[in-house]
């Protein structure tokens, strides 16, 4: 019973997080800025690419795909494991 409760909580959190990534532009932009800061501190020579916007597009597509993955995983947990 406790494992079902934990699984359902994890599933709903994944779904909400995924929907935020997909639909809320400001949340997605905040995540992209955070990823750009990590890329800048890790690889300073990428600064030109980040400023031209190439990596911003890559991160935006990645955030959308990660959001879809989170929603899919949450639905999988609800339908298959808890179903």
N, C-alpha and C. Protein backbone atom coordinates (compact mmCIF):
# COMPACT_ATOMS: atom_id res chain seq x y z
N UNK A 1 0.83 -1.20 0.00
CA UNK A 1 0.00 0.00 0.00
C UNK A 1 0.88 1.26 0.00
N UNK A 2 1.90 1.23 0.83
CA UNK A 2 2.80 2.38 0.89
C UNK A 2 3.56 2.55 -0.42
N UNK A 3 3.93 1.44 -1.05
CA UNK A 3 4.66 1.53 -2.31
C UNK A 3 3.76 2.10 -3.42
N UNK A 4 2.47 1.77 -3.39
CA UNK A 4 1.54 2.35 -4.36
C UNK A 4 1.40 3.85 -4.16
N UNK A 5 1.38 4.27 -2.91
CA UNK A 5 1.27 5.71 -2.61
C UNK A 5 2.52 6.44 -3.10
N UNK A 6 3.69 5.88 -2.84
CA UNK A 6 4.94 6.50 -3.28
C UNK A 6 5.00 6.54 -4.81
N UNK A 7 4.60 5.45 -5.46
CA UNK A 7 4.62 5.41 -6.92
C UNK A 7 3.65 6.43 -7.51
N UNK A 8 2.49 6.57 -6.91
CA UNK A 8 1.53 7.55 -7.44
C UNK A 8 2.02 8.98 -7.24
N UNK A 9 2.65 9.25 -6.11
CA UNK A 9 3.20 10.59 -5.88
C UNK A 9 4.30 10.90 -6.90
N UNK A 10 5.18 9.93 -7.11
CA UNK A 10 6.25 10.12 -8.10
C UNK A 10 5.66 10.34 -9.49
N UNK A 11 4.64 9.58 -9.83
CA UNK A 11 4.01 9.71 -11.15
C UNK A 11 3.40 11.09 -11.34
N UNK A 12 2.67 11.56 -10.34
CA UNK A 12 2.04 12.87 -10.47
C UNK A 12 3.06 13.99 -10.51
N UNK A 13 4.14 13.87 -9.75
CA UNK A 13 5.20 14.88 -9.79
C UNK A 13 5.85 14.90 -11.17
N UNK A 14 6.11 13.72 -11.74
CA UNK A 14 6.68 13.65 -13.09
C UNK A 14 5.76 14.29 -14.12
N UNK A 15 4.47 14.02 -14.02
CA UNK A 15 3.52 14.58 -14.98
C UNK A 15 3.47 16.10 -14.87
N UNK A 16 3.41 16.61 -13.64
CA UNK A 16 3.34 18.07 -13.46
C UNK A 16 4.63 18.73 -13.94
N UNK A 17 5.77 18.13 -13.60
CA UNK A 17 7.05 18.69 -14.05
C UNK A 17 7.14 18.68 -15.57
N UNK A 18 6.71 17.58 -16.18
CA UNK A 18 6.73 17.50 -17.64
C UNK A 18 5.83 18.51 -18.29
N UNK A 19 4.63 18.70 -17.75
CA UNK A 19 3.71 19.69 -18.31
C UNK A 19 4.25 21.11 -18.15
N UNK A 20 4.92 21.37 -17.02
CA UNK A 20 5.55 22.68 -16.85
C UNK A 20 6.61 22.91 -17.92
N UNK A 21 7.42 21.88 -18.18
CA UNK A 21 8.47 22.02 -19.20
C UNK A 21 7.88 22.24 -20.58
N UNK A 22 6.76 21.59 -20.86
CA UNK A 22 6.18 21.68 -22.20
C UNK A 22 5.43 23.00 -22.41
N UNK A 23 4.62 23.41 -21.44
CA UNK A 23 3.69 24.50 -21.67
C UNK A 23 4.07 25.84 -21.05
N UNK A 24 4.81 25.86 -19.97
CA UNK A 24 5.13 27.13 -19.31
C UNK A 24 6.45 27.66 -19.84
N UNK A 25 6.39 28.69 -20.64
CA UNK A 25 7.58 29.21 -21.31
C UNK A 25 8.60 29.76 -20.31
N UNK A 26 8.17 30.46 -19.29
CA UNK A 26 9.11 31.05 -18.35
C UNK A 26 9.86 29.97 -17.57
N UNK A 27 9.18 28.87 -17.24
CA UNK A 27 9.84 27.76 -16.54
C UNK A 27 10.90 27.12 -17.44
N UNK A 28 10.54 26.94 -18.72
CA UNK A 28 11.47 26.36 -19.68
C UNK A 28 12.66 27.29 -19.90
N UNK A 29 12.40 28.59 -20.00
CA UNK A 29 13.50 29.55 -20.20
C UNK A 29 14.43 29.58 -18.99
N UNK A 30 13.87 29.45 -17.78
CA UNK A 30 14.72 29.41 -16.58
C UNK A 30 15.61 28.18 -16.60
N UNK A 31 15.07 27.05 -17.03
CA UNK A 31 15.88 25.83 -17.13
C UNK A 31 16.96 25.99 -18.20
N UNK A 32 16.62 26.63 -19.31
CA UNK A 32 17.60 26.84 -20.38
C UNK A 32 18.72 27.76 -19.89
N UNK A 33 18.37 28.84 -19.18
CA UNK A 33 19.41 29.74 -18.66
C UNK A 33 20.32 29.00 -17.68
N UNK A 34 19.74 28.13 -16.86
CA UNK A 34 20.53 27.35 -15.91
C UNK A 34 21.48 26.42 -16.65
N UNK A 35 21.00 25.77 -17.72
CA UNK A 35 21.86 24.89 -18.51
C UNK A 35 22.96 25.67 -19.22
N UNK A 36 22.64 26.88 -19.68
CA UNK A 36 23.66 27.70 -20.32
C UNK A 36 24.75 28.10 -19.34
N UNK A 37 24.38 28.40 -18.10
CA UNK A 37 25.38 28.75 -17.10
C UNK A 37 26.29 27.57 -16.82
N UNK A 38 25.71 26.37 -16.74
CA UNK A 38 26.54 25.18 -16.53
C UNK A 38 27.48 24.98 -17.71
N UNK A 39 26.96 25.14 -18.93
CA UNK A 39 27.80 24.97 -20.12
C UNK A 39 28.91 26.02 -20.14
N UNK A 40 28.58 27.25 -19.73
CA UNK A 40 29.58 28.31 -19.75
C UNK A 40 30.67 28.04 -18.72
N UNK A 41 30.29 27.62 -17.51
CA UNK A 41 31.31 27.37 -16.49
C UNK A 41 32.11 26.11 -16.81
N UNK A 42 31.50 25.14 -17.46
CA UNK A 42 32.21 23.90 -17.76
C UNK A 42 33.11 24.05 -18.98
N UNK A 43 32.61 24.74 -20.00
CA UNK A 43 33.34 24.87 -21.26
C UNK A 43 33.33 26.33 -21.71
N UNK A 44 34.26 27.16 -21.21
CA UNK A 44 34.23 28.59 -21.55
C UNK A 44 34.34 28.88 -23.04
N UNK A 45 34.93 27.98 -23.83
CA UNK A 45 35.07 28.25 -25.26
C UNK A 45 33.76 28.11 -26.00
N UNK A 46 32.70 27.64 -25.35
CA UNK A 46 31.37 27.55 -25.97
C UNK A 46 30.62 28.87 -25.95
N UNK A 47 31.23 29.90 -25.39
CA UNK A 47 30.51 31.16 -25.20
C UNK A 47 29.97 31.71 -26.51
N UNK A 48 30.75 31.62 -27.56
CA UNK A 48 30.31 32.14 -28.86
C UNK A 48 29.08 31.40 -29.33
N UNK A 49 29.08 30.08 -29.21
CA UNK A 49 27.93 29.29 -29.65
C UNK A 49 26.69 29.61 -28.82
N UNK A 50 26.87 29.80 -27.51
CA UNK A 50 25.72 30.11 -26.66
C UNK A 50 25.14 31.47 -27.05
N UNK A 51 26.03 32.45 -27.29
CA UNK A 51 25.55 33.78 -27.61
C UNK A 51 24.88 33.85 -28.97
N UNK A 52 25.26 33.00 -29.90
CA UNK A 52 24.62 33.02 -31.21
C UNK A 52 23.25 32.36 -31.18
N UNK A 53 22.94 31.65 -30.13
CA UNK A 53 21.62 31.06 -30.01
C UNK A 53 21.53 29.61 -30.45
N UNK A 54 22.63 29.07 -30.95
CA UNK A 54 22.58 27.67 -31.41
C UNK A 54 22.25 26.75 -30.25
N UNK A 55 22.95 26.92 -29.13
CA UNK A 55 22.71 26.05 -27.98
C UNK A 55 21.36 26.32 -27.35
N UNK A 56 20.86 27.55 -27.45
CA UNK A 56 19.53 27.86 -26.91
C UNK A 56 18.47 27.02 -27.62
N UNK A 57 18.59 26.87 -28.93
CA UNK A 57 17.63 26.03 -29.67
C UNK A 57 17.77 24.57 -29.26
N UNK A 58 19.01 24.12 -29.10
CA UNK A 58 19.23 22.73 -28.69
C UNK A 58 18.62 22.49 -27.32
N UNK A 59 18.84 23.42 -26.39
CA UNK A 59 18.30 23.26 -25.04
C UNK A 59 16.78 23.32 -25.04
N UNK A 60 16.20 24.18 -25.90
CA UNK A 60 14.75 24.30 -25.95
C UNK A 60 14.12 23.00 -26.45
N UNK A 61 14.69 22.42 -27.49
CA UNK A 61 14.18 21.13 -27.98
C UNK A 61 14.39 20.05 -26.93
N UNK A 62 15.55 20.08 -26.27
CA UNK A 62 15.83 19.10 -25.22
C UNK A 62 14.87 19.22 -24.06
N UNK A 63 14.53 20.45 -23.68
CA UNK A 63 13.58 20.64 -22.58
C UNK A 63 12.20 20.13 -22.96
N UNK A 64 11.79 20.36 -24.20
CA UNK A 64 10.48 19.85 -24.64
C UNK A 64 10.47 18.32 -24.64
N UNK A 65 11.54 17.72 -25.17
CA UNK A 65 11.60 16.25 -25.20
C UNK A 65 11.66 15.67 -23.79
N UNK A 66 12.39 16.32 -22.90
CA UNK A 66 12.47 15.85 -21.52
C UNK A 66 11.11 15.97 -20.84
N UNK A 67 10.38 17.03 -21.15
CA UNK A 67 9.03 17.18 -20.62
C UNK A 67 8.11 16.07 -21.11
N UNK A 68 8.19 15.75 -22.40
CA UNK A 68 7.39 14.64 -22.93
C UNK A 68 7.78 13.32 -22.29
N UNK A 69 9.07 13.13 -22.06
CA UNK A 69 9.54 11.91 -21.40
C UNK A 69 8.99 11.81 -19.98
N UNK A 70 9.01 12.93 -19.25
CA UNK A 70 8.48 12.92 -17.88
C UNK A 70 6.99 12.60 -17.86
N UNK A 71 6.23 13.22 -18.76
CA UNK A 71 4.80 12.94 -18.82
C UNK A 71 4.56 11.48 -19.19
N UNK A 72 5.29 10.98 -20.18
CA UNK A 72 5.13 9.58 -20.58
C UNK A 72 5.49 8.62 -19.47
N UNK A 73 6.56 8.90 -18.75
CA UNK A 73 6.95 8.03 -17.64
C UNK A 73 5.92 8.06 -16.52
N UNK A 74 5.39 9.26 -16.24
CA UNK A 74 4.35 9.36 -15.22
C UNK A 74 3.10 8.60 -15.61
N UNK A 75 2.69 8.72 -16.86
CA UNK A 75 1.52 7.98 -17.33
C UNK A 75 1.78 6.47 -17.32
N UNK A 76 3.00 6.07 -17.66
CA UNK A 76 3.37 4.66 -17.62
C UNK A 76 3.24 4.11 -16.20
N UNK A 77 3.73 4.87 -15.23
CA UNK A 77 3.62 4.43 -13.83
C UNK A 77 2.17 4.30 -13.42
N UNK A 78 1.35 5.28 -13.79
CA UNK A 78 -0.05 5.23 -13.40
C UNK A 78 -0.78 4.09 -14.08
N UNK A 79 -0.59 3.95 -15.38
CA UNK A 79 -1.38 2.96 -16.13
C UNK A 79 -0.88 1.53 -15.95
N UNK A 80 0.42 1.32 -15.97
CA UNK A 80 0.96 -0.03 -15.95
C UNK A 80 1.22 -0.52 -14.52
N UNK A 81 1.98 0.25 -13.77
CA UNK A 81 2.38 -0.22 -12.45
C UNK A 81 1.22 -0.15 -11.46
N UNK A 82 0.50 0.97 -11.47
CA UNK A 82 -0.60 1.12 -10.51
C UNK A 82 -1.91 0.57 -11.05
N UNK A 83 -2.01 0.44 -12.38
CA UNK A 83 -3.25 0.05 -13.03
C UNK A 83 -3.74 -1.31 -12.64
